[in-house]
PDB file of N, CA and C in Angstrom:
ATOM      1  N   GLN A   1       0.854  -1.185   0.000  1.00  0.00           N
ATOM      2  CA  GLN A   1       0.000   0.000   0.000  1.00  0.00           C
ATOM      3  C   GLN A   1       0.892   1.239   0.000  1.00  0.00           C
ATOM      4  N   VAL A   2       0.539   2.216  -0.812  1.00  0.00           N
ATOM      5  CA  VAL A   2       1.299   3.460  -0.903  1.00  0.00           C
ATOM      6  C   VAL A   2       0.497   4.567  -0.246  1.00  0.00           C
ATOM      7  N   ARG A   3       1.157   5.336   0.579  1.00  0.00           N
ATOM      8  CA  ARG A   3       0.504   6.464   1.252  1.00  0.00           C
ATOM      9  C   ARG A   3       1.324   7.719   1.039  1.00  0.00           C
ATOM     10  N   LEU A   4       0.648   8.822   0.716  1.00  0.00           N
ATOM     11  CA  LEU A   4       1.312  10.090   0.451  1.00  0.00           C
ATOM     12  C   LEU A   4       0.871  11.112   1.485  1.00  0.00           C
ATOM     13  N   VAL A   5       1.821  11.836   2.029  1.00  0.00           N
ATOM     14  CA  VAL A   5       1.516  12.833   3.054  1.00  0.00           C
ATOM     15  C   VAL A   5       2.176  14.152   2.675  1.00  0.00           C
ATOM     16  N   GLU A   6       1.340  15.171   2.412  1.00  0.00           N
ATOM     17  CA  GLU A   6       1.848  16.492   2.044  1.00  0.00           C
ATOM     18  C   GLU A   6       1.991  17.383   3.281  1.00  0.00           C
ATOM     19  N   SER A   7       2.862  18.357   3.163  1.00  0.00           N
ATOM     20  CA  SER A   7       3.008  19.393   4.178  1.00  0.00           C
ATOM     21  C   SER A   7       3.608  20.629   3.526  1.00  0.00           C
ATOM     22  N   GLY A   8       3.614  21.721   4.273  1.00  0.00           N
ATOM     23  CA  GLY A   8       4.284  22.917   3.793  1.00  0.00           C
ATOM     24  C   GLY A   8       3.369  24.018   3.309  1.00  0.00           C
ATOM     25  N   GLY A   9       2.069  23.770   3.255  1.00  0.00           N
ATOM     26  CA  GLY A   9       1.156  24.820   2.847  1.00  0.00           C
ATOM     27  C   GLY A   9       1.077  25.912   3.893  1.00  0.00           C
ATOM     28  N   GLY A  10       0.410  26.999   3.538  1.00  0.00           N
ATOM     29  CA  GLY A  10       0.264  28.100   4.474  1.00  0.00           C
ATOM     30  C   GLY A  10      -0.275  29.324   3.786  1.00  0.00           C
ATOM     31  N   SER A  11      -0.204  30.446   4.490  1.00  0.00           N
ATOM     32  CA  SER A  11      -0.680  31.723   3.967  1.00  0.00           C
ATOM     33  C   SER A  11       0.501  32.641   3.745  1.00  0.00           C
ATOM     34  N   VAL A  12       0.579  33.220   2.560  1.00  0.00           N
ATOM     35  CA  VAL A  12       1.657  34.150   2.230  1.00  0.00           C
ATOM     36  C   VAL A  12       1.077  35.310   1.453  1.00  0.00           C
ATOM     37  N   GLN A  13       1.852  36.370   1.390  1.00  0.00           N
ATOM     38  CA  GLN A  13       1.453  37.508   0.577  1.00  0.00           C
ATOM     39  C   GLN A  13       1.918  37.311  -0.863  1.00  0.00           C
ATOM     40  N   SER A  14       1.256  38.011  -1.755  1.00  0.00           N
ATOM     41  CA  SER A  14       1.632  37.968  -3.164  1.00  0.00           C
ATOM     42  C   SER A  14       3.119  38.266  -3.322  1.00  0.00           C
ATOM     43  N   GLY A  15       3.794  37.452  -4.147  1.00  0.00           N
ATOM     44  CA  GLY A  15       5.223  37.595  -4.334  1.00  0.00           C
ATOM     45  C   GLY A  15       6.049  36.716  -3.421  1.00  0.00           C
ATOM     46  N   GLY A  16       5.415  36.099  -2.454  1.00  0.00           N
ATOM     47  CA  GLY A  16       6.119  35.255  -1.504  1.00  0.00           C
ATOM     48  C   GLY A  16       6.412  33.872  -2.060  1.00  0.00           C
ATOM     49  N   SER A  17       7.005  33.043  -1.198  1.00  0.00           N
ATOM     50  CA  SER A  17       7.418  31.697  -1.593  1.00  0.00           C
ATOM     51  C   SER A  17       6.970  30.667  -0.556  1.00  0.00           C
ATOM     52  N   LEU A  18       6.758  29.472  -1.033  1.00  0.00           N
ATOM     53  CA  LEU A  18       6.481  28.319  -0.186  1.00  0.00           C
ATOM     54  C   LEU A  18       7.109  27.094  -0.818  1.00  0.00           C
ATOM     55  N   THR A  19       7.460  26.122   0.008  1.00  0.00           N
ATOM     56  CA  THR A  19       7.918  24.829  -0.488  1.00  0.00           C
ATOM     57  C   THR A  19       7.007  23.743   0.061  1.00  0.00           C
ATOM     58  N   LEU A  20       6.368  23.025  -0.823  1.00  0.00           N
ATOM     59  CA  LEU A  20       5.522  21.900  -0.441  1.00  0.00           C
ATOM     60  C   LEU A  20       6.363  20.622  -0.452  1.00  0.00           C
ATOM     61  N   THR A  21       6.062  19.749   0.487  1.00  0.00           N
ATOM     62  CA  THR A  21       6.759  18.475   0.605  1.00  0.00           C
ATOM     63  C   THR A  21       5.746  17.348   0.617  1.00  0.00           C
ATOM     64  N   CYS A  22       6.083  16.264  -0.048  1.00  0.00           N
ATOM     65  CA  CYS A  22       5.230  15.074  -0.078  1.00  0.00           C
ATOM     66  C   CYS A  22       6.104  13.865   0.224  1.00  0.00           C
ATOM     67  N   VAL A  23       5.835  13.221   1.340  1.00  0.00           N
ATOM     68  CA  VAL A  23       6.563  12.009   1.704  1.00  0.00           C
ATOM     69  C   VAL A  23       5.737  10.807   1.269  1.00  0.00           C
ATOM     70  N   VAL A  24       6.392   9.871   0.601  1.00  0.00           N
ATOM     71  CA  VAL A  24       5.715   8.688   0.086  1.00  0.00           C
ATOM     72  C   VAL A  24       6.103   7.480   0.932  1.00  0.00           C
ATOM     73  N   PHE A  25       5.118   6.856   1.541  1.00  0.00           N
ATOM     74  CA  PHE A  25       5.325   5.653   2.344  1.00  0.00           C
ATOM     75  C   PHE A  25       4.954   4.445   1.511  1.00  0.00           C
ATOM     76  N   GLY A  26       5.871   3.481   1.451  1.00  0.00           N
ATOM     77  CA  GLY A  26       5.647   2.292   0.644  1.00  0.00           C
ATOM     78  C   GLY A  26       6.868   2.013  -0.207  1.00  0.00           C
ATOM     79  N   TYR A  27       6.811   0.935  -0.947  1.00  0.00           N
ATOM     80  CA  TYR A  27       7.973   0.515  -1.733  1.00  0.00           C
ATOM     81  C   TYR A  27       7.907   1.045  -3.155  1.00  0.00           C
ATOM     82  N   GLY A  28       9.077   1.171  -3.736  1.00  0.00           N
ATOM     83  CA  GLY A  28       9.144   1.457  -5.163  1.00  0.00           C
ATOM     84  C   GLY A  28       9.041   2.908  -5.563  1.00  0.00           C
ATOM     85  N   TYR A  29       9.298   3.820  -4.614  1.00  0.00           N
ATOM     86  CA  TYR A  29       9.104   5.244  -4.924  1.00  0.00           C
ATOM     87  C   TYR A  29       9.872   5.676  -6.163  1.00  0.00           C
ATOM     88  N   SER A  30      11.101   5.198  -6.318  1.00  0.00           N
ATOM     89  CA  SER A  30      11.934   5.663  -7.431  1.00  0.00           C
ATOM     90  C   SER A  30      11.353   5.282  -8.781  1.00  0.00           C
ATOM     91  N   ARG A  31      10.451   4.328  -8.804  1.00  0.00           N
ATOM     92  CA  ARG A  31       9.852   3.893 -10.078  1.00  0.00           C
ATOM     93  C   ARG A  31       8.574   4.657 -10.413  1.00  0.00           C
ATOM     94  N   TYR A  32       8.106   5.461  -9.477  1.00  0.00           N
ATOM     95  CA  TYR A  32       6.853   6.174  -9.710  1.00  0.00           C
ATOM     96  C   TYR A  32       7.072   7.485 -10.464  1.00  0.00           C
ATOM     97  N   CYS A  33       6.127   7.808 -11.310  1.00  0.00           N
ATOM     98  CA  CYS A  33       6.006   9.151 -11.849  1.00  0.00           C
ATOM     99  C   CYS A  33       5.139   9.946 -10.886  1.00  0.00           C
ATOM    100  N   MET A  34       5.548  11.161 -10.598  1.00  0.00           N
ATOM    101  CA  MET A  34       4.909  11.956  -9.559  1.00  0.00           C
ATOM    102  C   MET A  34       4.347  13.253 -10.118  1.00  0.00           C
ATOM    103  N   GLY A  35       3.362  13.777  -9.423  1.00  0.00           N
ATOM    104  CA  GLY A  35       2.784  15.036  -9.866  1.00  0.00           C
ATOM    105  C   GLY A  35       2.222  15.841  -8.715  1.00  0.00           C
ATOM    106  N   TRP A  36       2.157  17.139  -8.931  1.00  0.00           N
ATOM    107  CA  TRP A  36       1.440  18.044  -8.035  1.00  0.00           C
ATOM    108  C   TRP A  36       0.211  18.576  -8.785  1.00  0.00           C
ATOM    109  N   PHE A  37      -0.912  18.571  -8.094  1.00  0.00           N
ATOM    110  CA  PHE A  37      -2.166  19.081  -8.623  1.00  0.00           C
ATOM    111  C   PHE A  37      -2.692  20.151  -7.672  1.00  0.00           C
ATOM    112  N   HIS A  38      -3.533  21.042  -8.190  1.00  0.00           N
ATOM    113  CA  HIS A  38      -4.221  21.946  -7.283  1.00  0.00           C
ATOM    114  C   HIS A  38      -5.687  22.054  -7.659  1.00  0.00           C
ATOM    115  N   GLN A  39      -6.483  22.428  -6.671  1.00  0.00           N
ATOM    116  CA  GLN A  39      -7.918  22.597  -6.882  1.00  0.00           C
ATOM    117  C   GLN A  39      -8.400  23.781  -6.065  1.00  0.00           C
ATOM    118  N   ALA A  40      -8.898  24.788  -6.769  1.00  0.00           N
ATOM    119  CA  ALA A  40      -9.470  25.959  -6.111  1.00  0.00           C
ATOM    120  C   ALA A  40     -10.967  25.736  -5.915  1.00  0.00           C
ATOM    121  N   PRO A  41     -11.586  26.423  -4.964  1.00  0.00           N
ATOM    122  CA  PRO A  41     -13.023  26.251  -4.731  1.00  0.00           C
ATOM    123  C   PRO A  41     -13.825  26.500  -5.998  1.00  0.00           C
ATOM    124  N   GLY A  42     -14.708  25.573  -6.326  1.00  0.00           N
ATOM    125  CA  GLY A  42     -15.558  25.725  -7.484  1.00  0.00           C
ATOM    126  C   GLY A  42     -14.902  25.416  -8.812  1.00  0.00           C
ATOM    127  N   LYS A  43     -13.652  24.975  -8.765  1.00  0.00           N
ATOM    128  CA  LYS A  43     -12.934  24.673 -10.006  1.00  0.00           C
ATOM    129  C   LYS A  43     -12.497  23.215 -10.025  1.00  0.00           C
ATOM    130  N   GLU A  44     -12.186  22.733 -11.208  1.00  0.00           N
ATOM    131  CA  GLU A  44     -11.720  21.360 -11.344  1.00  0.00           C
ATOM    132  C   GLU A  44     -10.258  21.244 -10.916  1.00  0.00           C
ATOM    133  N   ARG A  45      -9.906  20.051 -10.501  1.00  0.00           N
ATOM    134  CA  ARG A  45      -8.509  19.794 -10.167  1.00  0.00           C
ATOM    135  C   ARG A  45      -7.656  19.888 -11.414  1.00  0.00           C
ATOM    136  N   GLU A  46      -6.488  20.493 -11.279  1.00  0.00           N
ATOM    137  CA  GLU A  46      -5.613  20.737 -12.430  1.00  0.00           C
ATOM    138  C   GLU A  46      -4.199  20.283 -12.113  1.00  0.00           C
ATOM    139  N   GLY A  47      -3.572  19.643 -13.065  1.00  0.00           N
ATOM    140  CA  GLY A  47      -2.171  19.281 -12.905  1.00  0.00           C
ATOM    141  C   GLY A  47      -1.291  20.501 -12.983  1.00  0.00           C
ATOM    142  N   VAL A  48      -0.336  20.616 -12.079  1.00  0.00           N
ATOM    143  CA  VAL A  48       0.534  21.784 -11.993  1.00  0.00           C
ATOM    144  C   VAL A  48       1.937  21.467 -12.474  1.00  0.00           C
ATOM    145  N   ALA A  49       2.494  20.370 -11.974  1.00  0.00           N
ATOM    146  CA  ALA A  49       3.876  20.017 -12.299  1.00  0.00           C
ATOM    147  C   ALA A  49       4.036  18.509 -12.186  1.00  0.00           C
ATOM    148  N   PHE A  50       4.922  17.976 -13.047  1.00  0.00           N
ATOM    149  CA  PHE A  50       5.108  16.534 -13.090  1.00  0.00           C
ATOM    150  C   PHE A  50       6.592  16.222 -13.185  1.00  0.00           C
ATOM    151  N   ILE A  51       6.957  15.059 -12.624  1.00  0.00           N
ATOM    152  CA  ILE A  51       8.342  14.611 -12.719  1.00  0.00           C
ATOM    153  C   ILE A  51       8.353  13.105 -12.921  1.00  0.00           C
ATOM    154  N   GLY A  52       9.175  12.649 -13.859  1.00  0.00           N
ATOM    155  CA  GLY A  52       9.248  11.231 -14.140  1.00  0.00           C
ATOM    156  C   GLY A  52      10.306  10.531 -13.305  1.00  0.00           C
ATOM    157  N   SER A  53      10.429   9.235 -13.542  1.00  0.00           N
ATOM    158  CA  SER A  53      11.389   8.436 -12.784  1.00  0.00           C
ATOM    159  C   SER A  53      12.834   8.787 -13.137  1.00  0.00           C
ATOM    160  N   THR A  54      13.034   9.437 -14.278  1.00  0.00           N
ATOM    161  CA  THR A  54      14.381   9.868 -14.683  1.00  0.00           C
ATOM    162  C   THR A  54      14.543  11.376 -14.541  1.00  0.00           C
ATOM    163  N   ASP A  55      13.663  11.989 -13.741  1.00  0.00           N
ATOM    164  CA  ASP A  55      13.726  13.414 -13.397  1.00  0.00           C
ATOM    165  C   ASP A  55      13.352  14.357 -14.538  1.00  0.00           C
ATOM    166  N   THR A  56      12.726  13.858 -15.577  1.00  0.00           N
ATOM    167  CA  THR A  56      12.173  14.772 -16.577  1.00  0.00           C
ATOM    168  C   THR A  56      10.979  15.489 -15.961  1.00  0.00           C
ATOM    169  N   THR A  57      10.848  16.773 -16.268  1.00  0.00           N
ATOM    170  CA  THR A  57       9.807  17.577 -15.647  1.00  0.00           C
ATOM    171  C   THR A  57       8.943  18.270 -16.695  1.00  0.00           C
ATOM    172  N   SER A  58       7.733  18.609 -16.286  1.00  0.00           N
ATOM    173  CA  SER A  58       6.854  19.416 -17.113  1.00  0.00           C
ATOM    174  C   SER A  58       5.952  20.235 -16.206  1.00  0.00           C
ATOM    175  N   TYR A  59       5.473  21.370 -16.741  1.00  0.00           N
ATOM    176  CA  TYR A  59       4.687  22.307 -15.940  1.00  0.00           C
ATOM    177  C   TYR A  59       3.517  22.850 -16.760  1.00  0.00           C
ATOM    178  N   VAL A  60       2.467  23.186 -16.053  1.00  0.00           N
ATOM    179  CA  VAL A  60       1.387  23.919 -16.697  1.00  0.00           C
ATOM    180  C   VAL A  60       1.899  25.333 -16.968  1.00  0.00           C
ATOM    181  N   ASP A  61       1.412  25.956 -18.040  1.00  0.00           N
ATOM    182  CA  ASP A  61       1.949  27.256 -18.461  1.00  0.00           C
ATOM    183  C   ASP A  61       1.889  28.313 -17.360  1.00  0.00           C
ATOM    184  N   SER A  62       0.848  28.274 -16.551  1.00  0.00           N
ATOM    185  CA  SER A  62       0.643  29.335 -15.559  1.00  0.00           C
ATOM    186  C   SER A  62       1.706  29.366 -14.470  1.00  0.00           C
ATOM    187  N   VAL A  63       2.485  28.284 -14.317  1.00  0.00           N
ATOM    188  CA  VAL A  63       3.496  28.261 -13.252  1.00  0.00           C
ATOM    189  C   VAL A  63       4.918  28.165 -13.778  1.00  0.00           C
ATOM    190  N   LYS A  64       5.077  28.080 -15.087  1.00  0.00           N
ATOM    191  CA  LYS A  64       6.419  27.969 -15.654  1.00  0.00           C
ATOM    192  C   LYS A  64       7.266  29.170 -15.253  1.00  0.00           C
ATOM    193  N   GLY A  65       8.489  28.895 -14.827  1.00  0.00           N
ATOM    194  CA  GLY A  65       9.387  29.954 -14.402  1.00  0.00           C
ATOM    195  C   GLY A  65       9.203  30.370 -12.956  1.00  0.00           C
ATOM    196  N   ARG A  66       8.139  29.905 -12.311  1.00  0.00           N
ATOM    197  CA  ARG A  66       7.883  30.261 -10.908  1.00  0.00           C
ATOM    198  C   ARG A  66       7.950  29.049  -9.984  1.00  0.00           C
ATOM    199  N   PHE A  67       7.512  27.902 -10.456  1.00  0.00           N
ATOM    200  CA  PHE A  67       7.477  26.679  -9.640  1.00  0.00           C
ATOM    201  C   PHE A  67       8.536  25.704 -10.133  1.00  0.00           C
ATOM    202  N   THR A  68       9.089  24.928  -9.203  1.00  0.00           N
ATOM    203  CA  THR A  68      10.056  23.888  -9.534  1.00  0.00           C
ATOM    204  C   THR A  68       9.703  22.611  -8.794  1.00  0.00           C
ATOM    205  N   ILE A  69       9.528  21.537  -9.551  1.00  0.00           N
ATOM    206  CA  ILE A  69       9.268  20.232  -8.956  1.00  0.00           C
ATOM    207  C   ILE A  69      10.577  19.458  -8.900  1.00  0.00           C
ATOM    208  N   SER A  70      10.776  18.735  -7.809  1.00  0.00           N
ATOM    209  CA  SER A  70      11.981  17.922  -7.670  1.00  0.00           C
ATOM    210  C   SER A  70      11.667  16.737  -6.771  1.00  0.00           C
ATOM    211  N   ARG A  71      12.567  15.775  -6.787  1.00  0.00           N
ATOM    212  CA  ARG A  71      12.370  14.585  -5.961  1.00  0.00           C
ATOM    213  C   ARG A  71      13.691  14.146  -5.376  1.00  0.00           C
ATOM    214  N   ASP A  72      13.627  13.519  -4.209  1.00  0.00           N
ATOM    215  CA  ASP A  72      14.792  12.932  -3.568  1.00  0.00           C
ATOM    216  C   ASP A  72      14.458  11.464  -3.309  1.00  0.00           C
ATOM    217  N   ASN A  73      14.988  10.595  -4.148  1.00  0.00           N
ATOM    218  CA  ASN A  73      14.645   9.185  -4.033  1.00  0.00           C
ATOM    219  C   ASN A  73      15.248   8.530  -2.786  1.00  0.00           C
ATOM    220  N   THR A  74      16.258   9.149  -2.201  1.00  0.00           N
ATOM    221  CA  THR A  74      16.840   8.596  -0.970  1.00  0.00           C
ATOM    222  C   THR A  74      15.938   8.859   0.229  1.00  0.00           C
ATOM    223  N   LYS A  75      15.040   9.833   0.089  1.00  0.00           N
ATOM    224  CA  LYS A  75      14.144  10.188   1.188  1.00  0.00           C
ATOM    225  C   LYS A  75      12.678   9.909   0.849  1.00  0.00           C
ATOM    226  N   ASN A  76      12.417   9.282  -0.294  1.00  0.00           N
ATOM    227  CA  ASN A  76      11.037   9.043  -0.734  1.00  0.00           C
ATOM    228  C   ASN A  76      10.210  10.330  -0.672  1.00  0.00           C
ATOM    229  N   THR A  77      10.792  11.419  -1.135  1.00  0.00           N
ATOM    230  CA  THR A  77      10.151  12.719  -0.971  1.00  0.00           C
ATOM    231  C   THR A  77      10.081  13.479  -2.279  1.00  0.00           C
ATOM    232  N   LEU A  78       8.960  14.151  -2.455  1.00  0.00           N
ATOM    233  CA  LEU A  78       8.690  15.009  -3.605  1.00  0.00           C
ATOM    234  C   LEU A  78       8.542  16.439  -3.097  1.00  0.00           C
ATOM    235  N   TYR A  79       9.044  17.393  -3.879  1.00  0.00           N
ATOM    236  CA  TYR A  79       8.979  18.801  -3.479  1.00  0.00           C
ATOM    237  C   TYR A  79       8.327  19.646  -4.570  1.00  0.00           C
ATOM    238  N   LEU A  80       7.768  20.764  -4.148  1.00  0.00           N
ATOM    239  CA  LEU A  80       7.322  21.789  -5.086  1.00  0.00           C
ATOM    240  C   LEU A  80       7.746  23.134  -4.509  1.00  0.00           C
ATOM    241  N   GLN A  81       8.762  23.727  -5.111  1.00  0.00           N
ATOM    242  CA  GLN A  81       9.198  25.053  -4.718  1.00  0.00           C
ATOM    243  C   GLN A  81       8.369  26.070  -5.490  1.00  0.00           C
ATOM    244  N   MET A  82       7.675  26.930  -4.756  1.00  0.00           N
ATOM    245  CA  MET A  82       6.775  27.903  -5.380  1.00  0.00           C
ATOM    246  C   MET A  82       7.270  29.306  -5.062  1.00  0.00           C
ATOM    247  N   ASN A  83       7.661  30.024  -6.088  1.00  0.00           N
ATOM    248  CA  ASN A  83       8.138  31.395  -5.946  1.00  0.00           C
ATOM    249  C   ASN A  83       7.193  32.366  -6.654  1.00  0.00           C
ATOM    250  N   SER A  84       7.334  33.626  -6.331  1.00  0.00           N
ATOM    251  CA  SER A  84       6.524  34.673  -6.968  1.00  0.00           C
ATOM    252  C   SER A  84       5.042  34.303  -6.959  1.00  0.00           C
ATOM    253  N   LEU A  85       4.570  33.890  -5.810  1.00  0.00           N
ATOM    254  CA  LEU A  85       3.194  33.420  -5.708  1.00  0.00           C
ATOM    255  C   LEU A  85       2.190  34.535  -5.995  1.00  0.00           C
ATOM    256  N   LYS A  86       1.092  34.147  -6.600  1.00  0.00           N
ATOM    257  CA  LYS A  86       0.025  35.080  -6.979  1.00  0.00           C
ATOM    258  C   LYS A  86      -1.268  34.658  -6.286  1.00  0.00           C
ATOM    259  N   PRO A  87      -2.201  35.585  -6.104  1.00  0.00           N
ATOM    260  CA  PRO A  87      -3.488  35.204  -5.488  1.00  0.00           C
ATOM    261  C   PRO A  87      -4.183  34.060  -6.240  1.00  0.00           C
ATOM    262  N   GLU A  88      -4.014  34.001  -7.537  1.00  0.00           N
ATOM    263  CA  GLU A  88      -4.648  32.930  -8.300  1.00  0.00           C
ATOM    264  C   GLU A  88      -4.014  31.560  -8.072  1.00  0.00           C
ATOM    265  N   ASP A  89      -2.906  31.503  -7.359  1.00  0.00           N
ATOM    266  CA  ASP A  89      -2.318  30.217  -6.969  1.00  0.00           C
ATOM    267  C   ASP A  89      -3.023  29.627  -5.746  1.00  0.00           C
ATOM    268  N   THR A  90      -3.903  30.388  -5.130  1.00  0.00           N
ATOM    269  CA  THR A  90      -4.627  29.915  -3.955  1.00  0.00           C
ATOM    270  C   THR A  90      -5.441  28.679  -4.296  1.00  0.00           C
ATOM    271  N   ALA A  91      -5.193  27.595  -3.570  1.00  0.00           N
ATOM    272  CA  ALA A  91      -5.866  26.318  -3.849  1.00  0.00           C
ATOM    273  C   ALA A  91      -5.413  25.288  -2.824  1.00  0.00           C
ATOM    274  N   MET A  92      -6.092  24.149  -2.840  1.00  0.00           N
ATOM    275  CA  MET A  92      -5.591  22.964  -2.134  1.00  0.00           C
ATOM    276  C   MET A  92      -4.637  22.262  -3.087  1.00  0.00           C
ATOM    277  N   TYR A  93      -3.462  21.920  -2.595  1.00  0.00           N
ATOM    278  CA  TYR A  93      -2.450  21.261  -3.408  1.00  0.00           C
ATOM    279  C   TYR A  93      -2.315  19.800  -2.987  1.00  0.00           C
ATOM    280  N   TYR A  94      -2.302  18.914  -3.978  1.00  0.00           N
ATOM    281  CA  TYR A  94      -2.215  17.483  -3.754  1.00  0.00           C
ATOM    282  C   TYR A  94      -1.014  16.910  -4.484  1.00  0.00           C
ATOM    283  N   CYS A  95      -0.331  15.965  -3.857  1.00  0.00           N
ATOM    284  CA  CYS A  95       0.656  15.201  -4.610  1.00  0.00           C
ATOM    285  C   CYS A  95       0.020  13.867  -4.999  1.00  0.00           C
ATOM    286  N   ALA A  96       0.519  13.292  -6.074  1.00  0.00           N
ATOM    287  CA  ALA A  96      -0.034  12.058  -6.603  1.00  0.00           C
ATOM    288  C   ALA A  96       1.068  11.225  -7.234  1.00  0.00           C
ATOM    289  N   ALA A  97       0.831   9.915  -7.282  1.00  0.00           N
ATOM    290  CA  ALA A  97       1.822   8.982  -7.816  1.00  0.00           C
ATOM    291  C   ALA A  97       1.148   7.986  -8.746  1.00  0.00           C
ATOM    292  N   ARG A  98       1.901   7.562  -9.736  1.00  0.00           N
ATOM    293  CA  ARG A  98       1.446   6.491 -10.621  1.00  0.00           C
ATOM    294  C   ARG A  98       2.661   5.706 -11.074  1.00  0.00           C
ATOM    295  N   MET A  99       2.447   4.456 -11.392  1.00  0.00           N
ATOM    296  CA  MET A  99       3.490   3.705 -12.067  1.00  0.00           C
ATOM    297  C   MET A  99       3.682   4.347 -13.433  1.00  0.00           C
ATOM    298  N   CYS A 100       4.913   4.460 -13.870  1.00  0.00           N
ATOM    299  CA  CYS A 100       5.175   5.243 -15.072  1.00  0.00           C
ATOM    300  C   CYS A 100       4.644   4.594 -16.348  1.00  0.00           C
ATOM    301  N   ASP A 101       4.277   3.328 -16.291  1.00  0.00           N
ATOM    302  CA  ASP A 101       3.695   2.702 -17.480  1.00  0.00           C
ATOM    303  C   ASP A 101       2.167   2.802 -17.486  1.00  0.00           C
ATOM    304  N   ARG A 102       1.632   3.543 -16.540  1.00  0.00           N
ATOM    305  CA  ARG A 102       0.193   3.767 -16.478  1.00  0.00           C
ATOM    306  C   ARG A 102      -0.101   5.243 -16.684  1.00  0.00           C
ATOM    307  N   THR A 103      -1.291   5.555 -17.132  1.00  0.00           N
ATOM    308  CA  THR A 103      -1.631   6.954 -17.413  1.00  0.00           C
ATOM    309  C   THR A 103      -2.373   7.616 -16.273  1.00  0.00           C
ATOM    310  N   ARG A 104      -3.017   6.833 -15.443  1.00  0.00           N
ATOM    311  CA  ARG A 104      -3.840   7.397 -14.374  1.00  0.00           C
ATOM    312  C   ARG A 104      -3.063   7.421 -13.063  1.00  0.00           C
ATOM    313  N   PHE A 105      -3.149   8.571 -12.381  1.00  0.00           N
ATOM    314  CA  PHE A 105      -2.535   8.660 -11.056  1.00  0.00           C
ATOM    315  C   PHE A 105      -3.372   7.846 -10.074  1.00  0.00           C
ATOM    316  N   GLU A 106      -2.699   6.893  -9.408  1.00  0.00           N
ATOM    317  CA  GLU A 106      -3.410   5.927  -8.573  1.00  0.00           C
ATOM    318  C   GLU A 106      -3.441   6.305  -7.103  1.00  0.00           C
ATOM    319  N   TYR A 107      -2.439   7.030  -6.669  1.00  0.00           N
ATOM    320  CA  TYR A 107      -2.296   7.309  -5.237  1.00  0.00           C
ATOM    321  C   TYR A 107      -2.278   8.821  -5.016  1.00  0.00           C
ATOM    322  N   TRP A 108      -3.002   9.250  -3.988  1.00  0.00           N
ATOM    323  CA  TRP A 108      -3.156  10.680  -3.722  1.00  0.00           C
ATOM    324  C   TRP A 108      -2.944  10.976  -2.248  1.00  0.00           C
ATOM    325  N   GLY A 109      -2.384  12.151  -1.971  1.00  0.00           N
ATOM    326  CA  GLY A 109      -2.300  12.623  -0.605  1.00  0.00           C
ATOM    327  C   GLY A 109      -3.584  13.321  -0.198  1.00  0.00           C
ATOM    328  N   GLN A 110      -3.594  13.794   1.043  1.00  0.00           N
ATOM    329  CA  GLN A 110      -4.799  14.414   1.589  1.00  0.00           C
ATOM    330  C   GLN A 110      -4.899  15.895   1.255  1.00  0.00           C
ATOM    331  N   GLY A 111      -3.803  16.480   0.793  1.00  0.00           N
ATOM    332  CA  GLY A 111      -3.807  17.872   0.375  1.00  0.00           C
ATOM    333  C   GLY A 111      -3.262  18.814   1.440  1.00  0.00           C
ATOM    334  N   THR A 112      -2.733  19.932   0.971  1.00  0.00           N
ATOM    335  CA  THR A 112      -2.264  20.991   1.856  1.00  0.00           C
ATOM    336  C   THR A 112      -2.702  22.329   1.248  1.00  0.00           C
ATOM    337  N   GLN A 113      -3.229  23.212   2.082  1.00  0.00           N
ATOM    338  CA  GLN A 113      -3.826  24.454   1.594  1.00  0.00           C
ATOM    339  C   GLN A 113      -2.772  25.536   1.399  1.00  0.00           C
ATOM    340  N   VAL A 114      -2.830  26.186   0.255  1.00  0.00           N
ATOM    341  CA  VAL A 114      -1.992  27.348  -0.028  1.00  0.00           C
ATOM    342  C   VAL A 114      -2.907  28.546  -0.259  1.00  0.00           C
ATOM    343  N   THR A 115      -2.678  29.614   0.491  1.00  0.00           N
ATOM    344  CA  THR A 115      -3.477  30.827   0.357  1.00  0.00           C
ATOM    345  C   THR A 115      -2.546  32.008   0.124  1.00  0.00           C
ATOM    346  N   VAL A 116      -2.773  32.716  -0.976  1.00  0.00           N
ATOM    347  CA  VAL A 116      -1.938  33.860  -1.325  1.00  0.00           C
ATOM    348  C   VAL A 116      -2.806  35.112  -1.306  1.00  0.00           C
ATOM    349  N   SER A 117      -2.440  36.063  -0.480  1.00  0.00           N
ATOM    350  CA  SER A 117      -3.212  37.304  -0.368  1.00  0.00           C
ATOM    351  C   SER A 117      -2.531  38.427  -1.145  1.00  0.00           C
ATOM    352  N   SER A 118      -3.350  39.328  -1.651  1.00  0.00           N
ATOM    353  CA  SER A 118      -2.805  40.441  -2.461  1.00  0.00           C
ATOM    354  C   SER A 118      -2.410  41.618  -1.590  1.00  0.00           C
TER     355      SER A 118
END
């Protein structure tokens, strides 16, 4: 069984920074493709940043140049460094995992709230 636990959310002012952390409990972390998603009230969940098992990364256009996804396979941990935060980044942030040969993310954390005030 794989369990994901996020932390690091909080309230910041526009232009501030936060680092989200996701610890993955279970075996095989280095083989998983990982992602960060966010969901604002009344909106659909959206993929924000992704990282593969070989550290290839991709980002949604709205966060390119501001957010950085990374992973530490020695610590079973996924990170999302968020800089130059904007009020529109306000959302619940979730980390998720999937086997890289599958398309659907199978495992999800409980989420951590990020609130950016203007």
